[in-house]
Amino acid sequence: MNKKLLGKRFREIRKKLGYTQEKFAEIAGIEPQSISKIESGKNFPLLSNLEKIANKLDIELSDFFIYSHKADETELKNILNNTFDSLPQEDKEKAVKIILALKL
């Protein structure tokens, strides 16, 4: 999972709902610095925090992981290429197998 992409989506949801980082943190019961670090892609949120936030905001947990709603084909290719390039060889081979399986 890409930290920066998750952070971007996290920020999109927060802004769409009209919350500041401070209010979002208050709702989640976590420190505002944690929100900042998640949104900047420095940290992954704990799953328990994501669940808490989703429940309190009455959204689905999966909403945090739906990235493609705004990604065009070029952006998707860039995400795939950058992610693929950062993988060790063994994981690259696994990724190719997964992609080929999706074509079936």
PDB file of N, CA and C in Angstrom:
ATOM      1  N   MET A   1       0.837  -1.168   0.000  1.00  0.00           N
ATOM      2  CA  MET A   1       0.000   0.000   0.000  1.00  0.00           C
ATOM      3  C   MET A   1       0.887   1.237   0.000  1.00  0.00           C
ATOM      4  N   ASN A   2       0.511   2.224  -0.743  1.00  0.00           N
ATOM      5  CA  ASN A   2       1.280   3.443  -0.897  1.00  0.00           C
ATOM      6  C   ASN A   2       0.868   4.467   0.158  1.00  0.00           C
ATOM      7  N   LYS A   3       1.808   4.867   1.016  1.00  0.00           N
ATOM      8  CA  LYS A   3       1.517   5.812   2.098  1.00  0.00           C
ATOM      9  C   LYS A   3       1.021   7.154   1.568  1.00  0.00           C
ATOM     10  N   LYS A   4       1.668   7.630   0.516  1.00  0.00           N
ATOM     11  CA  LYS A   4       1.294   8.945  -0.024  1.00  0.00           C
ATOM     12  C   LYS A   4      -0.116   8.922  -0.617  1.00  0.00           C
ATOM     13  N   LEU A   5      -0.438   7.832  -1.294  1.00  0.00           N
ATOM     14  CA  LEU A   5      -1.760   7.713  -1.896  1.00  0.00           C
ATOM     15  C   LEU A   5      -2.841   7.623  -0.828  1.00  0.00           C
ATOM     16  N   LEU A   6      -2.589   6.838   0.206  1.00  0.00           N
ATOM     17  CA  LEU A   6      -3.549   6.740   1.303  1.00  0.00           C
ATOM     18  C   LEU A   6      -3.689   8.094   1.991  1.00  0.00           C
ATOM     19  N   GLY A   7      -2.581   8.791   2.189  1.00  0.00           N
ATOM     20  CA  GLY A   7      -2.633  10.114   2.801  1.00  0.00           C
ATOM     21  C   GLY A   7      -3.448  11.097   1.982  1.00  0.00           C
ATOM     22  N   LYS A   8      -3.288  11.028   0.680  1.00  0.00           N
ATOM     23  CA  LYS A   8      -4.048  11.904  -0.221  1.00  0.00           C
ATOM     24  C   LYS A   8      -5.542  11.618  -0.107  1.00  0.00           C
ATOM     25  N   ARG A   9      -5.885  10.348  -0.075  1.00  0.00           N
ATOM     26  CA  ARG A   9      -7.299   9.957   0.034  1.00  0.00           C
ATOM     27  C   ARG A   9      -7.856  10.365   1.392  1.00  0.00           C
ATOM     28  N   PHE A  10      -7.063  10.183   2.424  1.00  0.00           N
ATOM     29  CA  PHE A  10      -7.451  10.565   3.775  1.00  0.00           C
ATOM     30  C   PHE A  10      -7.787  12.058   3.809  1.00  0.00           C
ATOM     31  N   ARG A  11      -6.920  12.876   3.200  1.00  0.00           N
ATOM     32  CA  ARG A  11      -7.120  14.329   3.143  1.00  0.00           C
ATOM     33  C   ARG A  11      -8.385  14.670   2.345  1.00  0.00           C
ATOM     34  N   GLU A  12      -8.584  13.975   1.219  1.00  0.00           N
ATOM     35  CA  GLU A  12      -9.781  14.212   0.399  1.00  0.00           C
ATOM     36  C   GLU A  12     -11.055  14.000   1.212  1.00  0.00           C
ATOM     37  N   ILE A  13     -11.093  12.912   1.952  1.00  0.00           N
ATOM     38  CA  ILE A  13     -12.280  12.615   2.758  1.00  0.00           C
ATOM     39  C   ILE A  13     -12.483  13.687   3.820  1.00  0.00           C
ATOM     40  N   ARG A  14     -11.403  14.048   4.515  1.00  0.00           N
ATOM     41  CA  ARG A  14     -11.503  15.065   5.562  1.00  0.00           C
ATOM     42  C   ARG A  14     -12.027  16.383   5.000  1.00  0.00           C
ATOM     43  N   LYS A  15     -11.451  16.812   3.885  1.00  0.00           N
ATOM     44  CA  LYS A  15     -11.855  18.092   3.298  1.00  0.00           C
ATOM     45  C   LYS A  15     -13.279  18.040   2.746  1.00  0.00           C
ATOM     46  N   LYS A  16     -13.627  16.910   2.143  1.00  0.00           N
ATOM     47  CA  LYS A  16     -14.986  16.754   1.607  1.00  0.00           C
ATOM     48  C   LYS A  16     -16.018  16.912   2.720  1.00  0.00           C
ATOM     49  N   LEU A  17     -15.678  16.434   3.902  1.00  0.00           N
ATOM     50  CA  LEU A  17     -16.580  16.527   5.042  1.00  0.00           C
ATOM     51  C   LEU A  17     -16.477  17.879   5.757  1.00  0.00           C
ATOM     52  N   GLY A  18     -15.519  18.707   5.332  1.00  0.00           N
ATOM     53  CA  GLY A  18     -15.396  20.054   5.873  1.00  0.00           C
ATOM     54  C   GLY A  18     -14.713  20.147   7.220  1.00  0.00           C
ATOM     55  N   TYR A  19     -13.861  19.182   7.546  1.00  0.00           N
ATOM     56  CA  TYR A  19     -13.181  19.181   8.833  1.00  0.00           C
ATOM     57  C   TYR A  19     -11.746  19.690   8.718  1.00  0.00           C
ATOM     58  N   THR A  20     -11.314  20.384   9.761  1.00  0.00           N
ATOM     59  CA  THR A  20      -9.900  20.711   9.895  1.00  0.00           C
ATOM     60  C   THR A  20      -9.192  19.459  10.395  1.00  0.00           C
ATOM     61  N   GLN A  21      -7.870  19.475  10.340  1.00  0.00           N
ATOM     62  CA  GLN A  21      -7.121  18.349  10.896  1.00  0.00           C
ATOM     63  C   GLN A  21      -7.406  18.210  12.387  1.00  0.00           C
ATOM     64  N   GLU A  22      -7.545  19.326  13.076  1.00  0.00           N
ATOM     65  CA  GLU A  22      -7.793  19.297  14.517  1.00  0.00           C
ATOM     66  C   GLU A  22      -9.147  18.658  14.831  1.00  0.00           C
ATOM     67  N   LYS A  23     -10.183  19.048  14.087  1.00  0.00           N
ATOM     68  CA  LYS A  23     -11.522  18.487  14.318  1.00  0.00           C
ATOM     69  C   LYS A  23     -11.549  17.003  13.948  1.00  0.00           C
ATOM     70  N   PHE A  24     -10.897  16.664  12.863  1.00  0.00           N
ATOM     71  CA  PHE A  24     -10.826  15.268  12.419  1.00  0.00           C
ATOM     72  C   PHE A  24     -10.145  14.423  13.497  1.00  0.00           C
ATOM     73  N   ALA A  25      -9.069  14.957  14.069  1.00  0.00           N
ATOM     74  CA  ALA A  25      -8.346  14.247  15.132  1.00  0.00           C
ATOM     75  C   ALA A  25      -9.216  14.096  16.370  1.00  0.00           C
ATOM     76  N   GLU A  26      -9.953  15.148  16.682  1.00  0.00           N
ATOM     77  CA  GLU A  26     -10.850  15.096  17.842  1.00  0.00           C
ATOM     78  C   GLU A  26     -11.909  14.005  17.662  1.00  0.00           C
ATOM     79  N   ILE A  27     -12.488  13.939  16.483  1.00  0.00           N
ATOM     80  CA  ILE A  27     -13.502  12.920  16.191  1.00  0.00           C
ATOM     81  C   ILE A  27     -12.903  11.524  16.334  1.00  0.00           C
ATOM     82  N   ALA A  28     -11.686  11.365  15.824  1.00  0.00           N
ATOM     83  CA  ALA A  28     -11.026  10.067  15.844  1.00  0.00           C
ATOM     84  C   ALA A  28     -10.444   9.711  17.196  1.00  0.00           C
ATOM     85  N   GLY A  29     -10.270  10.727  18.048  1.00  0.00           N
ATOM     86  CA  GLY A  29      -9.662  10.482  19.340  1.00  0.00           C
ATOM     87  C   GLY A  29      -8.166  10.245  19.255  1.00  0.00           C
ATOM     88  N   ILE A  30      -7.534  10.901  18.262  1.00  0.00           N
ATOM     89  CA  ILE A  30      -6.080  10.787  18.113  1.00  0.00           C
ATOM     90  C   ILE A  30      -5.481  12.189  18.041  1.00  0.00           C
ATOM     91  N   GLU A  31      -4.177  12.271  18.097  1.00  0.00           N
ATOM     92  CA  GLU A  31      -3.478  13.557  18.083  1.00  0.00           C
ATOM     93  C   GLU A  31      -3.536  14.202  16.691  1.00  0.00           C
ATOM     94  N   PRO A  32      -3.683  15.532  16.622  1.00  0.00           N
ATOM     95  CA  PRO A  32      -3.670  16.220  15.320  1.00  0.00           C
ATOM     96  C   PRO A  32      -2.400  15.954  14.519  1.00  0.00           C
ATOM     97  N   GLN A  33      -1.268  15.778  15.222  1.00  0.00           N
ATOM     98  CA  GLN A  33      -0.013  15.495  14.522  1.00  0.00           C
ATOM     99  C   GLN A  33      -0.112  14.165  13.767  1.00  0.00           C
ATOM    100  N   SER A  34      -0.899  13.243  14.305  1.00  0.00           N
ATOM    101  CA  SER A  34      -1.089  11.952  13.626  1.00  0.00           C
ATOM    102  C   SER A  34      -1.806  12.142  12.299  1.00  0.00           C
ATOM    103  N   ILE A  35      -2.810  13.011  12.294  1.00  0.00           N
ATOM    104  CA  ILE A  35      -3.542  13.302  11.051  1.00  0.00           C
ATOM    105  C   ILE A  35      -2.583  13.896  10.033  1.00  0.00           C
ATOM    106  N   SER A  36      -1.774  14.851  10.470  1.00  0.00           N
ATOM    107  CA  SER A  36      -0.805  15.495   9.579  1.00  0.00           C
ATOM    108  C   SER A  36       0.171  14.479   8.998  1.00  0.00           C
ATOM    109  N   LYS A  37       0.681  13.590   9.830  1.00  0.00           N
ATOM    110  CA  LYS A  37       1.649  12.588   9.365  1.00  0.00           C
ATOM    111  C   LYS A  37       1.009  11.594   8.395  1.00  0.00           C
ATOM    112  N   ILE A  38      -0.253  11.255   8.625  1.00  0.00           N
ATOM    113  CA  ILE A  38      -0.959  10.349   7.702  1.00  0.00           C
ATOM    114  C   ILE A  38      -1.144  11.041   6.361  1.00  0.00           C
ATOM    115  N   GLU A  39      -1.642  12.277   6.397  1.00  0.00           N
ATOM    116  CA  GLU A  39      -1.922  13.003   5.159  1.00  0.00           C
ATOM    117  C   GLU A  39      -0.668  13.303   4.354  1.00  0.00           C
ATOM    118  N   SER A  40       0.441  13.480   5.016  1.00  0.00           N
ATOM    119  CA  SER A  40       1.688  13.767   4.300  1.00  0.00           C
ATOM    120  C   SER A  40       2.373  12.500   3.804  1.00  0.00           C
ATOM    121  N   GLY A  41       1.811  11.349   4.158  1.00  0.00           N
ATOM    122  CA  GLY A  41       2.388  10.086   3.706  1.00  0.00           C
ATOM    123  C   GLY A  41       3.563   9.621   4.541  1.00  0.00           C
ATOM    124  N   LYS A  42       3.745  10.213   5.707  1.00  0.00           N
ATOM    125  CA  LYS A  42       4.855   9.807   6.575  1.00  0.00           C
ATOM    126  C   LYS A  42       4.508   8.571   7.399  1.00  0.00           C
ATOM    127  N   ASN A  43       3.242   8.433   7.765  1.00  0.00           N
ATOM    128  CA  ASN A  43       2.802   7.308   8.590  1.00  0.00           C
ATOM    129  C   ASN A  43       1.541   6.676   8.028  1.00  0.00           C
ATOM    130  N   PHE A  44       1.400   5.393   8.286  1.00  0.00           N
ATOM    131  CA  PHE A  44       0.139   4.708   8.035  1.00  0.00           C
ATOM    132  C   PHE A  44      -0.703   4.824   9.294  1.00  0.00           C
ATOM    133  N   PRO A  45      -2.004   5.028   9.156  1.00  0.00           N
ATOM    134  CA  PRO A  45      -2.846   5.014  10.348  1.00  0.00           C
ATOM    135  C   PRO A  45      -3.032   3.573  10.829  1.00  0.00           C
ATOM    136  N   LEU A  46      -3.257   3.428  12.102  1.00  0.00           N
ATOM    137  CA  LEU A  46      -3.605   2.111  12.618  1.00  0.00           C
ATOM    138  C   LEU A  46      -4.983   1.736  12.088  1.00  0.00           C
ATOM    139  N   LEU A  47      -5.178   0.475  11.796  1.00  0.00           N
ATOM    140  CA  LEU A  47      -6.475   0.019  11.305  1.00  0.00           C
ATOM    141  C   LEU A  47      -7.563   0.346  12.315  1.00  0.00           C
ATOM    142  N   SER A  48      -7.252   0.207  13.589  1.00  0.00           N
ATOM    143  CA  SER A  48      -8.245   0.521  14.619  1.00  0.00           C
ATOM    144  C   SER A  48      -8.652   1.993  14.559  1.00  0.00           C
ATOM    145  N   ASN A  49      -7.700   2.886  14.242  1.00  0.00           N
ATOM    146  CA  ASN A  49      -8.040   4.308  14.098  1.00  0.00           C
ATOM    147  C   ASN A  49      -8.889   4.552  12.859  1.00  0.00           C
ATOM    148  N   LEU A  50      -8.553   3.885  11.772  1.00  0.00           N
ATOM    149  CA  LEU A  50      -9.369   4.035  10.559  1.00  0.00           C
ATOM    150  C   LEU A  50     -10.791   3.550  10.798  1.00  0.00           C
ATOM    151  N   GLU A  51     -10.921   2.433  11.475  1.00  0.00           N
ATOM    152  CA  GLU A  51     -12.262   1.911  11.784  1.00  0.00           C
ATOM    153  C   GLU A  51     -13.035   2.894  12.659  1.00  0.00           C
ATOM    154  N   LYS A  52     -12.361   3.448  13.642  1.00  0.00           N
ATOM    155  CA  LYS A  52     -12.989   4.412  14.556  1.00  0.00           C
ATOM    156  C   LYS A  52     -13.454   5.644  13.775  1.00  0.00           C
ATOM    157  N   ILE A  53     -12.584   6.147  12.912  1.00  0.00           N
ATOM    158  CA  ILE A  53     -12.929   7.333  12.119  1.00  0.00           C
ATOM    159  C   ILE A  53     -14.103   7.029  11.193  1.00  0.00           C
ATOM    160  N   ALA A  54     -14.034   5.903  10.497  1.00  0.00           N
ATOM    161  CA  ALA A  54     -15.113   5.524   9.576  1.00  0.00           C
ATOM    162  C   ALA A  54     -16.441   5.416  10.314  1.00  0.00           C
ATOM    163  N   ASN A  55     -16.429   4.762  11.460  1.00  0.00           N
ATOM    164  CA  ASN A  55     -17.664   4.613  12.236  1.00  0.00           C
ATOM    165  C   ASN A  55     -18.215   5.954  12.689  1.00  0.00           C
ATOM    166  N   LYS A  56     -17.348   6.821  13.193  1.00  0.00           N
ATOM    167  CA  LYS A  56     -17.802   8.119  13.699  1.00  0.00           C
ATOM    168  C   LYS A  56     -18.281   9.041  12.583  1.00  0.00           C
ATOM    169  N   LEU A  57     -17.735   8.861  11.382  1.00  0.00           N
ATOM    170  CA  LEU A  57     -18.131   9.702  10.245  1.00  0.00           C
ATOM    171  C   LEU A  57     -19.243   9.071   9.421  1.00  0.00           C
ATOM    172  N   ASP A  58     -19.633   7.856   9.816  1.00  0.00           N
ATOM    173  CA  ASP A  58     -20.667   7.105   9.110  1.00  0.00           C
ATOM    174  C   ASP A  58     -20.304   6.875   7.639  1.00  0.00           C
ATOM    175  N   ILE A  59     -19.049   6.471   7.435  1.00  0.00           N
ATOM    176  CA  ILE A  59     -18.594   6.092   6.098  1.00  0.00           C
ATOM    177  C   ILE A  59     -18.059   4.665   6.179  1.00  0.00           C
ATOM    178  N   GLU A  60     -17.871   4.050   5.038  1.00  0.00           N
ATOM    179  CA  GLU A  60     -17.331   2.706   4.984  1.00  0.00           C
ATOM    180  C   GLU A  60     -15.815   2.757   5.144  1.00  0.00           C
ATOM    181  N   LEU A  61     -15.258   1.778   5.822  1.00  0.00           N
ATOM    182  CA  LEU A  61     -13.809   1.680   5.960  1.00  0.00           C
ATOM    183  C   LEU A  61     -13.145   1.638   4.585  1.00  0.00           C
ATOM    184  N   SER A  62     -13.783   0.966   3.654  1.00  0.00           N
ATOM    185  CA  SER A  62     -13.219   0.829   2.308  1.00  0.00           C
ATOM    186  C   SER A  62     -13.081   2.168   1.585  1.00  0.00           C
ATOM    187  N   ASP A  63     -13.833   3.188   2.012  1.00  0.00           N
ATOM    188  CA  ASP A  63     -13.729   4.503   1.373  1.00  0.00           C
ATOM    189  C   ASP A  63     -12.307   5.066   1.440  1.00  0.00           C
ATOM    190  N   PHE A  64     -11.567   4.681   2.475  1.00  0.00           N
ATOM    191  CA  PHE A  64     -10.190   5.159   2.596  1.00  0.00           C
ATOM    192  C   PHE A  64      -9.269   4.529   1.549  1.00  0.00           C
ATOM    193  N   PHE A  65      -9.701   3.440   0.943  1.00  0.00           N
ATOM    194  CA  PHE A  65      -8.842   2.698   0.033  1.00  0.00           C
ATOM    195  C   PHE A  65      -9.309   2.756  -1.416  1.00  0.00           C
ATOM    196  N   ILE A  66     -10.301   3.569  -1.689  1.00  0.00           N
ATOM    197  CA  ILE A  66     -10.801   3.730  -3.052  1.00  0.00           C
ATOM    198  C   ILE A  66     -10.097   4.938  -3.646  1.00  0.00           C
ATOM    199  N   TYR A  67      -9.041   4.660  -4.399  1.00  0.00           N
ATOM    200  CA  TYR A  67      -8.214   5.726  -4.940  1.00  0.00           C
ATOM    201  C   TYR A  67      -8.565   6.082  -6.381  1.00  0.00           C
ATOM    202  N   SER A  68      -9.071   5.144  -7.119  1.00  0.00           N
ATOM    203  CA  SER A  68      -9.190   5.314  -8.560  1.00  0.00           C
ATOM    204  C   SER A  68     -10.312   6.252  -8.972  1.00  0.00           C
ATOM    205  N   HIS A  69     -11.111   6.757  -8.042  1.00  0.00           N
ATOM    206  CA  HIS A  69     -12.218   7.626  -8.403  1.00  0.00           C
ATOM    207  C   HIS A  69     -11.764   8.902  -9.106  1.00  0.00           C
ATOM    208  N   LYS A  70     -10.530   9.318  -8.886  1.00  0.00           N
ATOM    209  CA  LYS A  70     -10.041  10.543  -9.522  1.00  0.00           C
ATOM    210  C   LYS A  70      -8.812  10.313 -10.391  1.00  0.00           C
ATOM    211  N   ALA A  71      -8.375   9.091 -10.460  1.00  0.00           N
ATOM    212  CA  ALA A  71      -7.141   8.811 -11.195  1.00  0.00           C
ATOM    213  C   ALA A  71      -7.441   8.551 -12.670  1.00  0.00           C
ATOM    214  N   ASP A  72      -6.766   9.289 -13.540  1.00  0.00           N
ATOM    215  CA  ASP A  72      -6.901   9.006 -14.955  1.00  0.00           C
ATOM    216  C   ASP A  72      -5.903   7.908 -15.326  1.00  0.00           C
ATOM    217  N   GLU A  73      -5.923   7.489 -16.563  1.00  0.00           N
ATOM    218  CA  GLU A  73      -5.072   6.377 -16.986  1.00  0.00           C
ATOM    219  C   GLU A  73      -3.586   6.673 -16.785  1.00  0.00           C
ATOM    220  N   THR A  74      -3.174   7.882 -17.087  1.00  0.00           N
ATOM    221  CA  THR A  74      -1.768   8.247 -16.923  1.00  0.00           C
ATOM    222  C   THR A  74      -1.362   8.164 -15.455  1.00  0.00           C
ATOM    223  N   GLU A  75      -2.202   8.678 -14.576  1.00  0.00           N
ATOM    224  CA  GLU A  75      -1.900   8.639 -13.145  1.00  0.00           C
ATOM    225  C   GLU A  75      -1.839   7.195 -12.643  1.00  0.00           C
ATOM    226  N   LEU A  76      -2.764   6.367 -13.105  1.00  0.00           N
ATOM    227  CA  LEU A  76      -2.757   4.958 -12.706  1.00  0.00           C
ATOM    228  C   LEU A  76      -1.471   4.262 -13.167  1.00  0.00           C
ATOM    229  N   LYS A  77      -1.057   4.558 -14.397  1.00  0.00           N
ATOM    230  CA  LYS A  77       0.187   3.966 -14.901  1.00  0.00           C
ATOM    231  C   LYS A  77       1.386   4.429 -14.073  1.00  0.00           C
ATOM    232  N   ASN A  78       1.403   5.708 -13.714  1.00  0.00           N
ATOM    233  CA  ASN A  78       2.496   6.224 -12.893  1.00  0.00           C
ATOM    234  C   ASN A  78       2.532   5.553 -11.525  1.00  0.00           C
ATOM    235  N   ILE A  79       1.368   5.375 -10.935  1.00  0.00           N
ATOM    236  CA  ILE A  79       1.296   4.705  -9.635  1.00  0.00           C
ATOM    237  C   ILE A  79       1.821   3.283  -9.760  1.00  0.00           C
ATOM    238  N   LEU A  80       1.360   2.574 -10.781  1.00  0.00           N
ATOM    239  CA  LEU A  80       1.822   1.196 -10.989  1.00  0.00           C
ATOM    240  C   LEU A  80       3.324   1.142 -11.233  1.00  0.00           C
ATOM    241  N   ASN A  81       3.818   1.995 -12.106  1.00  0.00           N
ATOM    242  CA  ASN A  81       5.248   2.000 -12.428  1.00  0.00           C
ATOM    243  C   ASN A  81       6.106   2.327 -11.207  1.00  0.00           C
ATOM    244  N   ASN A  82       5.719   3.352 -10.463  1.00  0.00           N
ATOM    245  CA  ASN A  82       6.500   3.742  -9.292  1.00  0.00           C
ATOM    246  C   ASN A  82       6.492   2.652  -8.227  1.00  0.00           C
ATOM    247  N   THR A  83       5.326   2.071  -8.032  1.00  0.00           N
ATOM    248  CA  THR A  83       5.225   0.989  -7.049  1.00  0.00           C
ATOM    249  C   THR A  83       6.038  -0.207  -7.499  1.00  0.00           C
ATOM    250  N   PHE A  84       5.904  -0.576  -8.759  1.00  0.00           N
ATOM    251  CA  PHE A  84       6.630  -1.725  -9.297  1.00  0.00           C
ATOM    252  C   PHE A  84       8.135  -1.503  -9.188  1.00  0.00           C
ATOM    253  N   ASP A  85       8.597  -0.318  -9.552  1.00  0.00           N
ATOM    254  CA  ASP A  85      10.033  -0.018  -9.515  1.00  0.00           C
ATOM    255  C   ASP A  85      10.615  -0.121  -8.107  1.00  0.00           C
ATOM    256  N   SER A  86       9.784   0.130  -7.102  1.00  0.00           N
ATOM    257  CA  SER A  86      10.290   0.116  -5.731  1.00  0.00           C
ATOM    258  C   SER A  86      10.305  -1.286  -5.110  1.00  0.00           C
ATOM    259  N   LEU A  87       9.743  -2.258  -5.813  1.00  0.00           N
ATOM    260  CA  LEU A  87       9.666  -3.621  -5.271  1.00  0.00           C
ATOM    261  C   LEU A  87      10.962  -4.395  -5.475  1.00  0.00           C
ATOM    262  N   PRO A  88      11.257  -5.320  -4.555  1.00  0.00           N
ATOM    263  CA  PRO A  88      12.373  -6.241  -4.800  1.00  0.00           C
ATOM    264  C   PRO A  88      11.992  -7.205  -5.932  1.00  0.00           C
ATOM    265  N   GLN A  89      12.969  -7.809  -6.559  1.00  0.00           N
ATOM    266  CA  GLN A  89      12.743  -8.660  -7.725  1.00  0.00           C
ATOM    267  C   GLN A  89      11.688  -9.737  -7.472  1.00  0.00           C
ATOM    268  N   GLU A  90      11.754 -10.379  -6.336  1.00  0.00           N
ATOM    269  CA  GLU A  90      10.804 -11.458  -6.019  1.00  0.00           C
ATOM    270  C   GLU A  90       9.359 -10.947  -6.020  1.00  0.00           C
ATOM    271  N   ASP A  91       9.149  -9.741  -5.467  1.00  0.00           N
ATOM    272  CA  ASP A  91       7.813  -9.156  -5.436  1.00  0.00           C
ATOM    273  C   ASP A  91       7.380  -8.676  -6.817  1.00  0.00           C
ATOM    274  N   LYS A  92       8.339  -8.250  -7.637  1.00  0.00           N
ATOM    275  CA  LYS A  92       8.004  -7.859  -9.014  1.00  0.00           C
ATOM    276  C   LYS A  92       7.438  -9.056  -9.771  1.00  0.00           C
ATOM    277  N   GLU A  93       8.057 -10.204  -9.577  1.00  0.00           N
ATOM    278  CA  GLU A  93       7.578 -11.420 -10.238  1.00  0.00           C
ATOM    279  C   GLU A  93       6.171 -11.778  -9.764  1.00  0.00           C
ATOM    280  N   LYS A  94       5.916 -11.620  -8.489  1.00  0.00           N
ATOM    281  CA  LYS A  94       4.575 -11.872  -7.949  1.00  0.00           C
ATOM    282  C   LYS A  94       3.570 -10.889  -8.536  1.00  0.00           C
ATOM    283  N   ALA A  95       3.969  -9.623  -8.625  1.00  0.00           N
ATOM    284  CA  ALA A  95       3.074  -8.594  -9.154  1.00  0.00           C
ATOM    285  C   ALA A  95       2.702  -8.901 -10.600  1.00  0.00           C
ATOM    286  N   VAL A  96       3.655  -9.339 -11.393  1.00  0.00           N
ATOM    287  CA  VAL A  96       3.377  -9.684 -12.790  1.00  0.00           C
ATOM    288  C   VAL A  96       2.378 -10.842 -12.851  1.00  0.00           C
ATOM    289  N   LYS A  97       2.545 -11.823 -11.995  1.00  0.00           N
ATOM    290  CA  LYS A  97       1.608 -12.954 -11.966  1.00  0.00           C
ATOM    291  C   LYS A  97       0.201 -12.491 -11.615  1.00  0.00           C
ATOM    292  N   ILE A  98       0.104 -11.587 -10.663  1.00  0.00           N
ATOM    293  CA  ILE A  98      -1.207 -11.060 -10.280  1.00  0.00           C
ATOM    294  C   ILE A  98      -1.846 -10.301 -11.434  1.00  0.00           C
ATOM    295  N   ILE A  99      -1.068  -9.449 -12.087  1.00  0.00           N
ATOM    296  CA  ILE A  99      -1.592  -8.672 -13.209  1.00  0.00           C
ATOM    297  C   ILE A  99      -2.044  -9.580 -14.337  1.00  0.00           C
ATOM    298  N   LEU A 100      -1.242 -10.581 -14.634  1.00  0.00           N
ATOM    299  CA  LEU A 100      -1.628 -11.522 -15.694  1.00  0.00           C
ATOM    300  C   LEU A 100      -2.884 -12.295 -15.316  1.00  0.00           C
ATOM    301  N   ALA A 101      -3.040 -12.618 -14.053  1.00  0.00           N
ATOM    302  CA  ALA A 101      -4.233 -13.324 -13.599  1.00  0.00           C
ATOM    303  C   ALA A 101      -5.474 -12.448 -13.747  1.00  0.00           C
ATOM    304  N   LEU A 102      -5.323 -11.146 -13.592  1.00  0.00           N
ATOM    305  CA  LEU A 102      -6.442 -10.226 -13.741  1.00  0.00           C
ATOM    306  C   LEU A 102      -6.944 -10.162 -15.175  1.00  0.00           C
ATOM    307  N   LYS A 103      -6.077 -10.455 -16.117  1.00  0.00           N
ATOM    308  CA  LYS A 103      -6.452 -10.406 -17.523  1.00  0.00           C
ATOM    309  C   LYS A 103      -7.343 -11.575 -17.927  1.00  0.00           C
ATOM    310  N   LEU A 104      -7.342 -12.636 -17.128  1.00  0.00           N
ATOM    311  CA  LEU A 104      -8.119 -13.830 -17.465  1.00  0.00           C
ATOM    312  C   LEU A 104      -9.590 -13.627 -17.407  1.00  0.00           C
TER     313      LEU A 104
END
